């Protein structure tokens, strides 16, 4: 487990909102400095992902995830939220397309992710805990 350092809120077009917590990682200061920022989401099975406004120096660690995990995808420079099975899943656990770096987890509103449509706009707000 990791030490928590940030609260993150995802606000999607249509009024859906999801809250999470992120690890206390110096690299995440780059996101905090750009908060709030907007992006456009894509879906891959039950994974929401979207490009970030900055590049982070975090390396991918694994592909098998847990429902509710938030991860950084270095290959695509995206933030990913896993809320169920992905096309690479062999059971109920999400599997990322390639190695991602887990950086946090959803703590409120994960059920709202089932209502997200591709190309929805997202506003991301990050605060220090």
C-alpha atoms as a PDB file:
ATOM      1  CA  UNK A   1       0.000   0.000   0.000  1.00  0.00           C
ATOM      2  CA  UNK A   2       1.090   3.580  -0.428  1.00  0.00           C
ATOM      3  CA  UNK A   3       0.845   6.833   1.517  1.00  0.00           C
ATOM      4  CA  UNK A   4      -2.023   9.012   0.312  1.00  0.00           C
ATOM      5  CA  UNK A   5      -1.213  12.528  -0.809  1.00  0.00           C
ATOM      6  CA  UNK A   6      -3.982  13.835  -3.064  1.00  0.00           C
ATOM      7  CA  UNK A   7      -7.732  13.923  -3.555  1.00  0.00           C
ATOM      8  CA  UNK A   8      -8.883  13.736  -7.184  1.00  0.00           C
ATOM      9  CA  UNK A   9     -12.339  14.517  -8.561  1.00  0.00           C
ATOM     10  CA  UNK A  10     -13.441  13.485 -12.047  1.00  0.00           C
ATOM     11  CA  UNK A  11     -16.412  15.494 -13.404  1.00  0.00           C
ATOM     12  CA  UNK A  12     -17.868  14.131 -16.623  1.00  0.00           C
ATOM     13  CA  UNK A  13     -20.140  15.891 -19.101  1.00  0.00           C
ATOM     14  CA  UNK A  14     -23.701  14.975 -18.193  1.00  0.00           C
ATOM     15  CA  UNK A  15     -23.102  15.688 -14.505  1.00  0.00           C
ATOM     16  CA  UNK A  16     -21.541  12.385 -13.405  1.00  0.00           C
ATOM     17  CA  UNK A  17     -18.834  12.667 -10.752  1.00  0.00           C
ATOM     18  CA  UNK A  18     -16.312  10.225  -9.291  1.00  0.00           C
ATOM     19  CA  UNK A  19     -13.851  10.821  -6.427  1.00  0.00           C
ATOM     20  CA  UNK A  20     -10.553   9.162  -5.688  1.00  0.00           C
ATOM     21  CA  UNK A  21      -7.332   9.384  -3.735  1.00  0.00           C
ATOM     22  CA  UNK A  22      -3.810   9.321  -5.157  1.00  0.00           C
ATOM     23  CA  UNK A  23      -0.514   8.254  -3.644  1.00  0.00           C
ATOM     24  CA  UNK A  24       1.938  10.786  -2.293  1.00  0.00           C
ATOM     25  CA  UNK A  25       4.319  10.750  -5.267  1.00  0.00           C
ATOM     26  CA  UNK A  26       6.469  13.746  -6.194  1.00  0.00           C
ATOM     27  CA  UNK A  27       5.752  13.130  -9.886  1.00  0.00           C
ATOM     28  CA  UNK A  28       2.046  13.841  -9.251  1.00  0.00           C
ATOM     29  CA  UNK A  29       2.948  17.438  -8.341  1.00  0.00           C
ATOM     30  CA  UNK A  30       2.979  18.015 -12.117  1.00  0.00           C
ATOM     31  CA  UNK A  31      -0.729  17.157 -12.275  1.00  0.00           C
ATOM     32  CA  UNK A  32      -1.498  19.254  -9.205  1.00  0.00           C
ATOM     33  CA  UNK A  33       0.165  22.240 -10.901  1.00  0.00           C
ATOM     34  CA  UNK A  34      -2.158  21.843 -13.937  1.00  0.00           C
ATOM     35  CA  UNK A  35      -5.346  21.341 -11.910  1.00  0.00           C
ATOM     36  CA  UNK A  36      -8.049  21.783 -12.911  1.00  0.00           C
ATOM     37  CA  UNK A  37      -7.670  20.527 -16.475  1.00  0.00           C
ATOM     38  CA  UNK A  38     -10.017  19.081 -19.066  1.00  0.00           C
ATOM     39  CA  UNK A  39      -9.716  16.193 -21.486  1.00  0.00           C
ATOM     40  CA  UNK A  40     -11.839  13.837 -23.598  1.00  0.00           C
ATOM     41  CA  UNK A  41     -12.338  10.229 -22.478  1.00  0.00           C
ATOM     42  CA  UNK A  42     -12.119   6.964 -24.339  1.00  0.00           C
ATOM     43  CA  UNK A  43     -13.467   3.614 -23.186  1.00  0.00           C
ATOM     44  CA  UNK A  44     -11.825   0.208 -23.463  1.00  0.00           C
ATOM     45  CA  UNK A  45     -14.272  -2.270 -22.026  1.00  0.00           C
ATOM     46  CA  UNK A  46     -14.858  -1.102 -18.466  1.00  0.00           C
ATOM     47  CA  UNK A  47     -11.841   1.178 -18.378  1.00  0.00           C
ATOM     48  CA  UNK A  48     -12.043   4.945 -18.819  1.00  0.00           C
ATOM     49  CA  UNK A  49      -8.842   6.593 -20.011  1.00  0.00           C
ATOM     50  CA  UNK A  50      -7.883  10.064 -21.171  1.00  0.00           C
ATOM     51  CA  UNK A  51      -4.746  11.945 -22.234  1.00  0.00           C
ATOM     52  CA  UNK A  52      -2.948  14.155 -19.743  1.00  0.00           C
ATOM     53  CA  UNK A  53      -1.732  17.725 -20.361  1.00  0.00           C
ATOM     54  CA  UNK A  54       1.775  16.829 -19.152  1.00  0.00           C
ATOM     55  CA  UNK A  55       4.159  13.876 -19.383  1.00  0.00           C
ATOM     56  CA  UNK A  56       5.022  12.086 -16.151  1.00  0.00           C
ATOM     57  CA  UNK A  57       8.200  10.130 -15.488  1.00  0.00           C
ATOM     58  CA  UNK A  58       6.488   7.031 -14.095  1.00  0.00           C
ATOM     59  CA  UNK A  59       7.195   3.514 -15.329  1.00  0.00           C
ATOM     60  CA  UNK A  60       4.553   0.851 -15.861  1.00  0.00           C
ATOM     61  CA  UNK A  61       4.601  -2.003 -13.360  1.00  0.00           C
ATOM     62  CA  UNK A  62       1.771  -4.406 -14.162  1.00  0.00           C
ATOM     63  CA  UNK A  63      -1.287  -5.157 -16.258  1.00  0.00           C
ATOM     64  CA  UNK A  64      -3.602  -7.063 -13.884  1.00  0.00           C
ATOM     65  CA  UNK A  65      -5.561  -4.474 -11.951  1.00  0.00           C
ATOM     66  CA  UNK A  66      -8.272  -4.276  -9.303  1.00  0.00           C
ATOM     67  CA  UNK A  67     -11.663  -2.690  -9.822  1.00  0.00           C
ATOM     68  CA  UNK A  68     -11.458   0.926  -8.676  1.00  0.00           C
ATOM     69  CA  UNK A  69      -7.745   1.404  -9.311  1.00  0.00           C
ATOM     70  CA  UNK A  70      -6.453   4.587 -10.939  1.00  0.00           C
ATOM     71  CA  UNK A  71      -3.265   4.188 -12.968  1.00  0.00           C
ATOM     72  CA  UNK A  72      -0.904   6.085 -15.243  1.00  0.00           C
ATOM     73  CA  UNK A  73      -0.365   4.523 -18.682  1.00  0.00           C
ATOM     74  CA  UNK A  74       3.105   5.645 -19.861  1.00  0.00           C
ATOM     75  CA  UNK A  75       2.711   4.259 -23.395  1.00  0.00           C
ATOM     76  CA  UNK A  76      -0.332   6.450 -24.062  1.00  0.00           C
ATOM     77  CA  UNK A  77       0.426   9.246 -21.554  1.00  0.00           C
ATOM     78  CA  UNK A  78      -3.061   8.714 -20.128  1.00  0.00           C
ATOM     79  CA  UNK A  79      -4.750   8.359 -16.784  1.00  0.00           C
ATOM     80  CA  UNK A  80      -6.853   5.183 -16.541  1.00  0.00           C
ATOM     81  CA  UNK A  81      -9.716   4.266 -14.231  1.00  0.00           C
ATOM     82  CA  UNK A  82     -10.573   0.563 -14.051  1.00  0.00           C
ATOM     83  CA  UNK A  83     -14.176  -0.254 -13.125  1.00  0.00           C
ATOM     84  CA  UNK A  84     -14.671  -3.758 -14.554  1.00  0.00           C
ATOM     85  CA  UNK A  85     -13.579  -6.160 -17.255  1.00  0.00           C
ATOM     86  CA  UNK A  86     -11.478  -5.045 -20.214  1.00  0.00           C
ATOM     87  CA  UNK A  87     -11.079  -6.849 -23.566  1.00  0.00           C
ATOM     88  CA  UNK A  88      -7.957  -8.605 -22.182  1.00  0.00           C
ATOM     89  CA  UNK A  89      -9.656  -9.851 -18.978  1.00  0.00           C
ATOM     90  CA  UNK A  90      -9.680 -13.601 -18.424  1.00  0.00           C
ATOM     91  CA  UNK A  91     -11.944 -13.323 -15.356  1.00  0.00           C
ATOM     92  CA  UNK A  92     -13.671 -10.443 -13.540  1.00  0.00           C
ATOM     93  CA  UNK A  93     -10.429  -8.496 -12.969  1.00  0.00           C
ATOM     94  CA  UNK A  94      -9.500  -5.677 -15.340  1.00  0.00           C
ATOM     95  CA  UNK A  95      -6.355  -6.150 -17.407  1.00  0.00           C
ATOM     96  CA  UNK A  96      -4.595  -3.114 -18.877  1.00  0.00           C
ATOM     97  CA  UNK A  97      -3.513  -3.050 -22.534  1.00  0.00           C
ATOM     98  CA  UNK A  98       0.131  -2.748 -21.440  1.00  0.00           C
ATOM     99  CA  UNK A  99       1.981  -2.054 -18.188  1.00  0.00           C
ATOM    100  CA  UNK A 100       0.550   0.779 -16.095  1.00  0.00           C
ATOM    101  CA  UNK A 101       1.672   2.418 -12.849  1.00  0.00           C
ATOM    102  CA  UNK A 102      -1.033   2.208 -10.143  1.00  0.00           C
ATOM    103  CA  UNK A 103      -1.268   5.605  -8.430  1.00  0.00           C
ATOM    104  CA  UNK A 104      -4.577   5.582  -6.557  1.00  0.00           C
ATOM    105  CA  UNK A 105      -8.112   4.305  -6.169  1.00  0.00           C
ATOM    106  CA  UNK A 106     -11.714   5.423  -6.480  1.00  0.00           C
ATOM    107  CA  UNK A 107     -13.422   6.067  -3.134  1.00  0.00           C
ATOM    108  CA  UNK A 108     -16.823   7.396  -4.235  1.00  0.00           C
ATOM    109  CA  UNK A 109     -19.099   7.078  -7.253  1.00  0.00           C
ATOM    110  CA  UNK A 110     -17.498   4.157  -9.089  1.00  0.00           C
ATOM    111  CA  UNK A 111     -20.988   3.063 -10.200  1.00  0.00           C
ATOM    112  CA  UNK A 112     -21.236   6.330 -12.175  1.00  0.00           C
ATOM    113  CA  UNK A 113     -18.533   5.132 -14.567  1.00  0.00           C
ATOM    114  CA  UNK A 114     -20.979   2.692 -16.179  1.00  0.00           C
ATOM    115  CA  UNK A 115     -22.869   5.752 -17.505  1.00  0.00           C
ATOM    116  CA  UNK A 116     -19.883   7.358 -19.256  1.00  0.00           C
ATOM    117  CA  UNK A 117     -20.041   7.625 -23.046  1.00  0.00           C
ATOM    118  CA  UNK A 118     -17.003   7.654 -25.366  1.00  0.00           C
ATOM    119  CA  UNK A 119     -15.803  11.176 -26.213  1.00  0.00           C
ATOM    120  CA  UNK A 120     -17.344  12.622 -23.029  1.00  0.00           C
ATOM    121  CA  UNK A 121     -15.546  15.657 -21.685  1.00  0.00           C
ATOM    122  CA  UNK A 122     -13.919  15.345 -18.296  1.00  0.00           C
ATOM    123  CA  UNK A 123     -12.713  17.942 -15.817  1.00  0.00           C
ATOM    124  CA  UNK A 124     -10.052  16.743 -13.390  1.00  0.00           C
ATOM    125  CA  UNK A 125      -9.539  18.544 -10.074  1.00  0.00           C
ATOM    126  CA  UNK A 126      -6.642  17.584  -7.791  1.00  0.00           C
ATOM    127  CA  UNK A 127      -5.986  18.861  -4.262  1.00  0.00           C
ATOM    128  CA  UNK A 128      -3.412  17.973  -1.627  1.00  0.00           C
ATOM    129  CA  UNK A 129      -4.813  16.042   1.339  1.00  0.00           C
END
